[in-house]
Amino acid sequence: MQDRYRDIVYGAGDETGLSPVEDLGTREIRMITGAFQFQLATVTPSGWPYLQYRSGPPGFLHHLGGNRIGFGDLRGNQQLVTVGNLAQSGRAALFLADYPMRSRLKLFGTAAVVPADDDPALLEALMLVPEGRLERTPERCIVIDVEAFDWNCAKALVPQYTAEQVRERTDLYVQQIRDLQRQLDEARGGREH
């Protein structure tokens, strides 16, 4: 379709159009380990795509070395569609977005579901986040060997901010306003005496 609709033809590769990667770089690792949410796509046994939202505290998605990433899978609605899909084919894609910075990263790979009891050390590692530990114990671990990645164009990405990100950006101004209000109150009080 790129030949048909565009003048530029992107690199040859598999059906994703991406060349395999040797290792994730610092930019990718920073995006992965800083994420507090992502979309996880898998393939059903009948070939249909299935998309699920995952979230947690920043750092819940881990870089495990090389091009391996993983996260603790918490108890959800017990439909287990993603887990079933991964058991069938293992094919997965992740979509990560840093909305304030307007950057997007797509990761393609093969995932494995590791029961929590099968690898307690992995489970423990995936429970650690920069702020401490996950509040709940995951039922299983999901480990993904990234085979390709792509940074998306940011043109259509609308910046969005969490309440914490808004506070970080406005606290300085709020404090400045409080200081100016205090100075104004003192100046007004001084004239009244």
C-alpha atoms as a PDB file:
ATOM      1  CA  MET A   1       0.000   0.000   0.000  1.00  0.00           C
ATOM      2  CA  GLN A   2       2.964   2.316   0.559  1.00  0.00           C
ATOM      3  CA  ASP A   3       3.942   1.794  -3.085  1.00  0.00           C
ATOM      4  CA  ARG A   4       0.418   2.692  -4.135  1.00  0.00           C
ATOM      5  CA  TYR A   5      -0.258   5.692  -1.882  1.00  0.00           C
ATOM      6  CA  ARG A   6       3.141   7.133  -1.019  1.00  0.00           C
ATOM      7  CA  ASP A   7       6.312   8.064  -2.808  1.00  0.00           C
ATOM      8  CA  ILE A   8       8.419   6.672   0.041  1.00  0.00           C
ATOM      9  CA  VAL A   9       8.751   2.937   0.516  1.00  0.00           C
ATOM     10  CA  TYR A  10       9.787   1.882   4.000  1.00  0.00           C
ATOM     11  CA  GLY A  11      12.197  -0.940   4.806  1.00  0.00           C
ATOM     12  CA  ALA A  12      11.617  -4.502   3.788  1.00  0.00           C
ATOM     13  CA  GLY A  13      10.821  -6.973   6.520  1.00  0.00           C
ATOM     14  CA  ASP A  14       7.966  -9.107   7.729  1.00  0.00           C
ATOM     15  CA  GLU A  15       4.302  -8.113   7.508  1.00  0.00           C
ATOM     16  CA  THR A  16       4.885  -5.324  10.055  1.00  0.00           C
ATOM     17  CA  GLY A  17       7.336  -3.690   7.638  1.00  0.00           C
ATOM     18  CA  LEU A  18       9.861  -3.471  10.454  1.00  0.00           C
ATOM     19  CA  SER A  19      13.354  -4.851  10.656  1.00  0.00           C
ATOM     20  CA  PRO A  20      14.185  -6.959  13.717  1.00  0.00           C
ATOM     21  CA  VAL A  21      16.036  -5.219  16.533  1.00  0.00           C
ATOM     22  CA  GLU A  22      19.029  -6.506  18.437  1.00  0.00           C
ATOM     23  CA  ASP A  23      18.387  -4.637  21.689  1.00  0.00           C
ATOM     24  CA  LEU A  24      16.058  -1.935  22.853  1.00  0.00           C
ATOM     25  CA  GLY A  25      17.865   1.389  23.215  1.00  0.00           C
ATOM     26  CA  THR A  26      17.805   3.890  26.046  1.00  0.00           C
ATOM     27  CA  ARG A  27      14.980   5.867  24.451  1.00  0.00           C
ATOM     28  CA  GLU A  28      12.766   2.774  24.182  1.00  0.00           C
ATOM     29  CA  ILE A  29      13.660   1.552  27.672  1.00  0.00           C
ATOM     30  CA  ARG A  30      12.850   4.978  29.140  1.00  0.00           C
ATOM     31  CA  MET A  31       9.429   4.910  27.432  1.00  0.00           C
ATOM     32  CA  ILE A  32       8.737   1.325  28.545  1.00  0.00           C
ATOM     33  CA  THR A  33       9.778   1.712  32.190  1.00  0.00           C
ATOM     34  CA  GLY A  34       8.063   5.095  32.539  1.00  0.00           C
ATOM     35  CA  ALA A  35       4.708   3.884  31.221  1.00  0.00           C
ATOM     36  CA  PHE A  36       1.705   3.708  33.507  1.00  0.00           C
ATOM     37  CA  GLN A  37      -0.582   2.405  30.763  1.00  0.00           C
ATOM     38  CA  PHE A  38      -0.480   0.627  27.425  1.00  0.00           C
ATOM     39  CA  GLN A  39      -2.658  -1.263  24.975  1.00  0.00           C
ATOM     40  CA  LEU A  40      -1.862  -4.958  24.512  1.00  0.00           C
ATOM     41  CA  ALA A  41      -2.965  -6.656  21.291  1.00  0.00           C
ATOM     42  CA  THR A  42      -3.091 -10.415  20.854  1.00  0.00           C
ATOM     43  CA  VAL A  43      -4.545 -12.751  18.226  1.00  0.00           C
ATOM     44  CA  THR A  44      -7.481 -15.076  18.908  1.00  0.00           C
ATOM     45  CA  PRO A  45      -7.313 -18.731  17.788  1.00  0.00           C
ATOM     46  CA  SER A  46      -9.671 -17.820  14.919  1.00  0.00           C
ATOM     47  CA  GLY A  47      -7.307 -15.039  13.774  1.00  0.00           C
ATOM     48  CA  TRP A  48      -9.140 -11.975  15.099  1.00  0.00           C
ATOM     49  CA  PRO A  49      -7.253  -9.177  16.843  1.00  0.00           C
ATOM     50  CA  TYR A  50      -8.006  -8.644  20.515  1.00  0.00           C
ATOM     51  CA  LEU A  51      -7.054  -5.441  22.327  1.00  0.00           C
ATOM     52  CA  GLN A  52      -6.848  -4.903  26.068  1.00  0.00           C
ATOM     53  CA  TYR A  53      -5.876  -1.931  28.227  1.00  0.00           C
ATOM     54  CA  ARG A  54      -3.292  -2.432  30.984  1.00  0.00           C
ATOM     55  CA  SER A  55      -2.305   0.088  33.633  1.00  0.00           C
ATOM     56  CA  GLY A  56      -0.470   0.411  36.897  1.00  0.00           C
ATOM     57  CA  PRO A  57       1.944   2.711  38.670  1.00  0.00           C
ATOM     58  CA  PRO A  58       4.777   4.105  36.522  1.00  0.00           C
ATOM     59  CA  GLY A  59       7.396   1.385  36.254  1.00  0.00           C
ATOM     60  CA  PHE A  60       5.000  -1.581  36.336  1.00  0.00           C
ATOM     61  CA  LEU A  61       6.185  -2.488  32.824  1.00  0.00           C
ATOM     62  CA  HIS A  62       9.771  -3.702  33.239  1.00  0.00           C
ATOM     63  CA  HIS A  63      12.814  -3.996  31.020  1.00  0.00           C
ATOM     64  CA  LEU A  64      14.282  -7.417  31.830  1.00  0.00           C
ATOM     65  CA  GLY A  65      17.448  -7.063  29.762  1.00  0.00           C
ATOM     66  CA  GLY A  66      18.210  -7.173  26.057  1.00  0.00           C
ATOM     67  CA  ASN A  67      14.900  -6.956  24.262  1.00  0.00           C
ATOM     68  CA  ARG A  68      12.837  -8.726  26.932  1.00  0.00           C
ATOM     69  CA  ILE A  69      10.134  -6.867  28.846  1.00  0.00           C
ATOM     70  CA  GLY A  70       7.517  -8.043  31.312  1.00  0.00           C
ATOM     71  CA  PHE A  71       4.778  -7.150  33.747  1.00  0.00           C
ATOM     72  CA  GLY A  72       2.775  -8.734  36.527  1.00  0.00           C
ATOM     73  CA  ASP A  73      -0.721  -9.648  35.345  1.00  0.00           C
ATOM     74  CA  LEU A  74      -3.241  -8.709  38.014  1.00  0.00           C
ATOM     75  CA  ARG A  75      -6.582 -10.413  38.562  1.00  0.00           C
ATOM     76  CA  GLY A  76      -9.174  -8.855  36.277  1.00  0.00           C
ATOM     77  CA  ASN A  77     -12.622  -9.819  35.072  1.00  0.00           C
ATOM     78  CA  GLN A  78     -11.583 -13.487  34.802  1.00  0.00           C
ATOM     79  CA  GLN A  79     -12.395 -13.739  31.084  1.00  0.00           C
ATOM     80  CA  LEU A  80      -8.688 -14.566  30.506  1.00  0.00           C
ATOM     81  CA  VAL A  81      -8.951 -13.856  26.769  1.00  0.00           C
ATOM     82  CA  THR A  82      -5.466 -12.342  26.511  1.00  0.00           C
ATOM     83  CA  VAL A  83      -3.908 -15.210  28.493  1.00  0.00           C
ATOM     84  CA  GLY A  84      -5.715 -17.740  26.281  1.00  0.00           C
ATOM     85  CA  ASN A  85      -4.620 -15.968  23.116  1.00  0.00           C
ATOM     86  CA  LEU A  86      -1.004 -15.899  24.276  1.00  0.00           C
ATOM     87  CA  ALA A  87      -1.127 -19.604  25.129  1.00  0.00           C
ATOM     88  CA  GLN A  88      -2.344 -20.272  21.575  1.00  0.00           C
ATOM     89  CA  SER A  89       0.084 -18.170  19.502  1.00  0.00           C
ATOM     90  CA  GLY A  90       2.186 -15.901  21.732  1.00  0.00           C
ATOM     91  CA  ARG A  91       2.006 -13.083  19.181  1.00  0.00           C
ATOM     92  CA  ALA A  92       1.608  -9.707  20.865  1.00  0.00           C
ATOM     93  CA  ALA A  93       1.870  -6.018  20.125  1.00  0.00           C
ATOM     94  CA  LEU A  94       2.032  -3.184  22.635  1.00  0.00           C
ATOM     95  CA  PHE A  95       1.119   0.423  21.998  1.00  0.00           C
ATOM     96  CA  LEU A  96       2.643   2.895  24.457  1.00  0.00           C
ATOM     97  CA  ALA A  97       2.015   6.627  24.373  1.00  0.00           C
ATOM     98  CA  ASP A  98       3.523   9.513  26.294  1.00  0.00           C
ATOM     99  CA  TYR A  99       0.686  11.952  25.688  1.00  0.00           C
ATOM    100  CA  PRO A 100       2.293  15.092  27.173  1.00  0.00           C
ATOM    101  CA  MET A 101       5.423  14.540  25.060  1.00  0.00           C
ATOM    102  CA  ARG A 102       3.351  13.425  22.051  1.00  0.00           C
ATOM    103  CA  SER A 103       5.392  10.289  21.410  1.00  0.00           C
ATOM    104  CA  ARG A 104       4.209   6.773  20.622  1.00  0.00           C
ATOM    105  CA  LEU A 105       6.021   3.468  20.583  1.00  0.00           C
ATOM    106  CA  LYS A 106       4.787   0.220  19.041  1.00  0.00           C
ATOM    107  CA  LEU A 107       6.418  -3.033  20.152  1.00  0.00           C
ATOM    108  CA  PHE A 108       5.972  -6.376  18.389  1.00  0.00           C
ATOM    109  CA  GLY A 109       7.001  -9.658  19.937  1.00  0.00           C
ATOM    110  CA  THR A 110       6.358 -13.099  21.268  1.00  0.00           C
ATOM    111  CA  ALA A 111       4.866 -13.347  24.744  1.00  0.00           C
ATOM    112  CA  ALA A 112       4.788 -16.113  27.302  1.00  0.00           C
ATOM    113  CA  VAL A 113       2.572 -16.465  30.351  1.00  0.00           C
ATOM    114  CA  VAL A 114       4.505 -17.570  33.432  1.00  0.00           C
ATOM    115  CA  PRO A 115       2.360 -18.740  36.388  1.00  0.00           C
ATOM    116  CA  ALA A 116       3.346 -16.883  39.577  1.00  0.00           C
ATOM    117  CA  ASP A 117       4.269 -20.131  41.361  1.00  0.00           C
ATOM    118  CA  ASP A 118       6.594 -21.223  38.525  1.00  0.00           C
ATOM    119  CA  ASP A 119       9.048 -18.337  38.945  1.00  0.00           C
ATOM    120  CA  PRO A 120       8.806 -16.567  42.340  1.00  0.00           C
ATOM    121  CA  ALA A 121      11.961 -14.512  41.605  1.00  0.00           C
ATOM    122  CA  LEU A 122      10.430 -13.140  38.379  1.00  0.00           C
ATOM    123  CA  LEU A 123       7.171 -12.393  40.187  1.00  0.00           C
ATOM    124  CA  GLU A 124       9.066 -10.517  42.903  1.00  0.00           C
ATOM    125  CA  ALA A 125      11.022  -8.497  40.322  1.00  0.00           C
ATOM    126  CA  LEU A 126       7.828  -7.552  38.466  1.00  0.00           C
ATOM    127  CA  MET A 127       6.176  -6.391  41.689  1.00  0.00           C
ATOM    128  CA  LEU A 128       8.836  -3.724  42.262  1.00  0.00           C
ATOM    129  CA  VAL A 129       8.112  -0.203  41.039  1.00  0.00           C
ATOM    130  CA  PRO A 130      10.057   3.025  41.663  1.00  0.00           C
ATOM    131  CA  GLU A 131       7.634   3.983  44.452  1.00  0.00           C
ATOM    132  CA  GLY A 132       7.919   0.598  46.204  1.00  0.00           C
ATOM    133  CA  ARG A 133       5.798  -2.438  45.334  1.00  0.00           C
ATOM    134  CA  LEU A 134       2.543  -3.162  43.557  1.00  0.00           C
ATOM    135  CA  GLU A 135      -0.367  -3.044  45.983  1.00  0.00           C
ATOM    136  CA  ARG A 136      -1.717  -6.409  44.823  1.00  0.00           C
ATOM    137  CA  THR A 137       0.103  -9.638  43.981  1.00  0.00           C
ATOM    138  CA  PRO A 138      -0.147 -10.567  40.288  1.00  0.00           C
ATOM    139  CA  GLU A 139      -1.676 -13.924  39.392  1.00  0.00           C
ATOM    140  CA  ARG A 140       0.891 -14.489  36.663  1.00  0.00           C
ATOM    141  CA  CYS A 141       3.784 -12.872  34.832  1.00  0.00           C
ATOM    142  CA  ILE A 142       3.735 -11.940  31.169  1.00  0.00           C
ATOM    143  CA  VAL A 143       7.134 -11.825  29.501  1.00  0.00           C
ATOM    144  CA  ILE A 144       7.551 -10.484  25.968  1.00  0.00           C
ATOM    145  CA  ASP A 145      10.565 -10.891  23.714  1.00  0.00           C
ATOM    146  CA  VAL A 146      10.468  -7.796  21.512  1.00  0.00           C
ATOM    147  CA  GLU A 147      11.251  -8.661  17.901  1.00  0.00           C
ATOM    148  CA  ALA A 148      10.601  -5.240  16.368  1.00  0.00           C
ATOM    149  CA  PHE A 149       9.555  -1.737  17.366  1.00  0.00           C
ATOM    150  CA  ASP A 150       8.548   1.490  15.686  1.00  0.00           C
ATOM    151  CA  TRP A 151       8.213   5.074  16.869  1.00  0.00           C
ATOM    152  CA  ASN A 152       4.956   6.499  15.512  1.00  0.00           C
ATOM    153  CA  CYS A 153       4.383   9.922  14.050  1.00  0.00           C
ATOM    154  CA  ALA A 154       3.020  12.328  16.680  1.00  0.00           C
ATOM    155  CA  LYS A 155       0.909  14.485  14.328  1.00  0.00           C
ATOM    156  CA  ALA A 156      -2.476  13.152  15.443  1.00  0.00           C
ATOM    157  CA  LEU A 157      -1.625  12.541  19.102  1.00  0.00           C
ATOM    158  CA  VAL A 158      -3.557  14.958  21.301  1.00  0.00           C
ATOM    159  CA  PRO A 159      -1.629  15.846  24.490  1.00  0.00           C
ATOM    160  CA  GLN A 160      -3.340  14.532  27.621  1.00  0.00           C
ATOM    161  CA  TYR A 161      -2.217  14.955  31.216  1.00  0.00           C
ATOM    162  CA  THR A 162      -2.859  13.060  34.432  1.00  0.00           C
ATOM    163  CA  ALA A 163      -3.845  15.057  37.518  1.00  0.00           C
ATOM    164  CA  GLU A 164      -0.316  14.534  38.873  1.00  0.00           C
ATOM    165  CA  GLN A 165       1.264  15.823  35.643  1.00  0.00           C
ATOM    166  CA  VAL A 166      -0.952  18.923  35.777  1.00  0.00           C
ATOM    167  CA  ARG A 167       0.050  19.506  39.415  1.00  0.00           C
ATOM    168  CA  GLU A 168       3.748  19.145  38.522  1.00  0.00           C
ATOM    169  CA  ARG A 169       3.349  21.772  35.814  1.00  0.00           C
ATOM    170  CA  THR A 170       1.262  24.216  37.858  1.00  0.00           C
ATOM    171  CA  ASP A 171       2.626  23.945  41.427  1.00  0.00           C
ATOM    172  CA  LEU A 172       5.348  26.509  40.746  1.00  0.00           C
ATOM    173  CA  TYR A 173       2.771  29.022  39.497  1.00  0.00           C
ATOM    174  CA  VAL A 174       0.376  28.307  42.365  1.00  0.00           C
ATOM    175  CA  GLN A 175       3.195  28.977  44.832  1.00  0.00           C
ATOM    176  CA  GLN A 176       4.141  32.183  43.003  1.00  0.00           C
ATOM    177  CA  ILE A 177       0.512  33.343  43.164  1.00  0.00           C
ATOM    178  CA  ARG A 178       0.384  32.588  46.912  1.00  0.00           C
ATOM    179  CA  ASP A 179       3.634  34.519  47.453  1.00  0.00           C
ATOM    180  CA  LEU A 180       2.325  37.494  45.465  1.00  0.00           C
ATOM    181  CA  GLN A 181      -0.990  37.393  47.345  1.00  0.00           C
ATOM    182  CA  ARG A 182       0.887  37.359  50.661  1.00  0.00           C
ATOM    183  CA  GLN A 183       3.032  40.313  49.519  1.00  0.00           C
ATOM    184  CA  LEU A 184      -0.091  42.180  48.428  1.00  0.00           C
ATOM    185  CA  ASP A 185      -1.824  41.470  51.745  1.00  0.00           C
ATOM    186  CA  GLU A 186       1.274  42.685  53.640  1.00  0.00           C
ATOM    187  CA  ALA A 187       1.497  45.816  51.497  1.00  0.00           C
ATOM    188  CA  ARG A 188      -2.189  46.584  52.042  1.00  0.00           C
ATOM    189  CA  GLY A 189      -1.836  45.897  55.760  1.00  0.00           C
ATOM    190  CA  GLY A 190       1.168  48.214  55.973  1.00  0.00           C
ATOM    191  CA  ARG A 191      -0.795  51.151  54.505  1.00  0.00           C
ATOM    192  CA  GLU A 192      -3.647  50.741  56.897  1.00  0.00           C
ATOM    193  CA  HIS A 193      -1.389  51.312  59.915  1.00  0.00           C
END
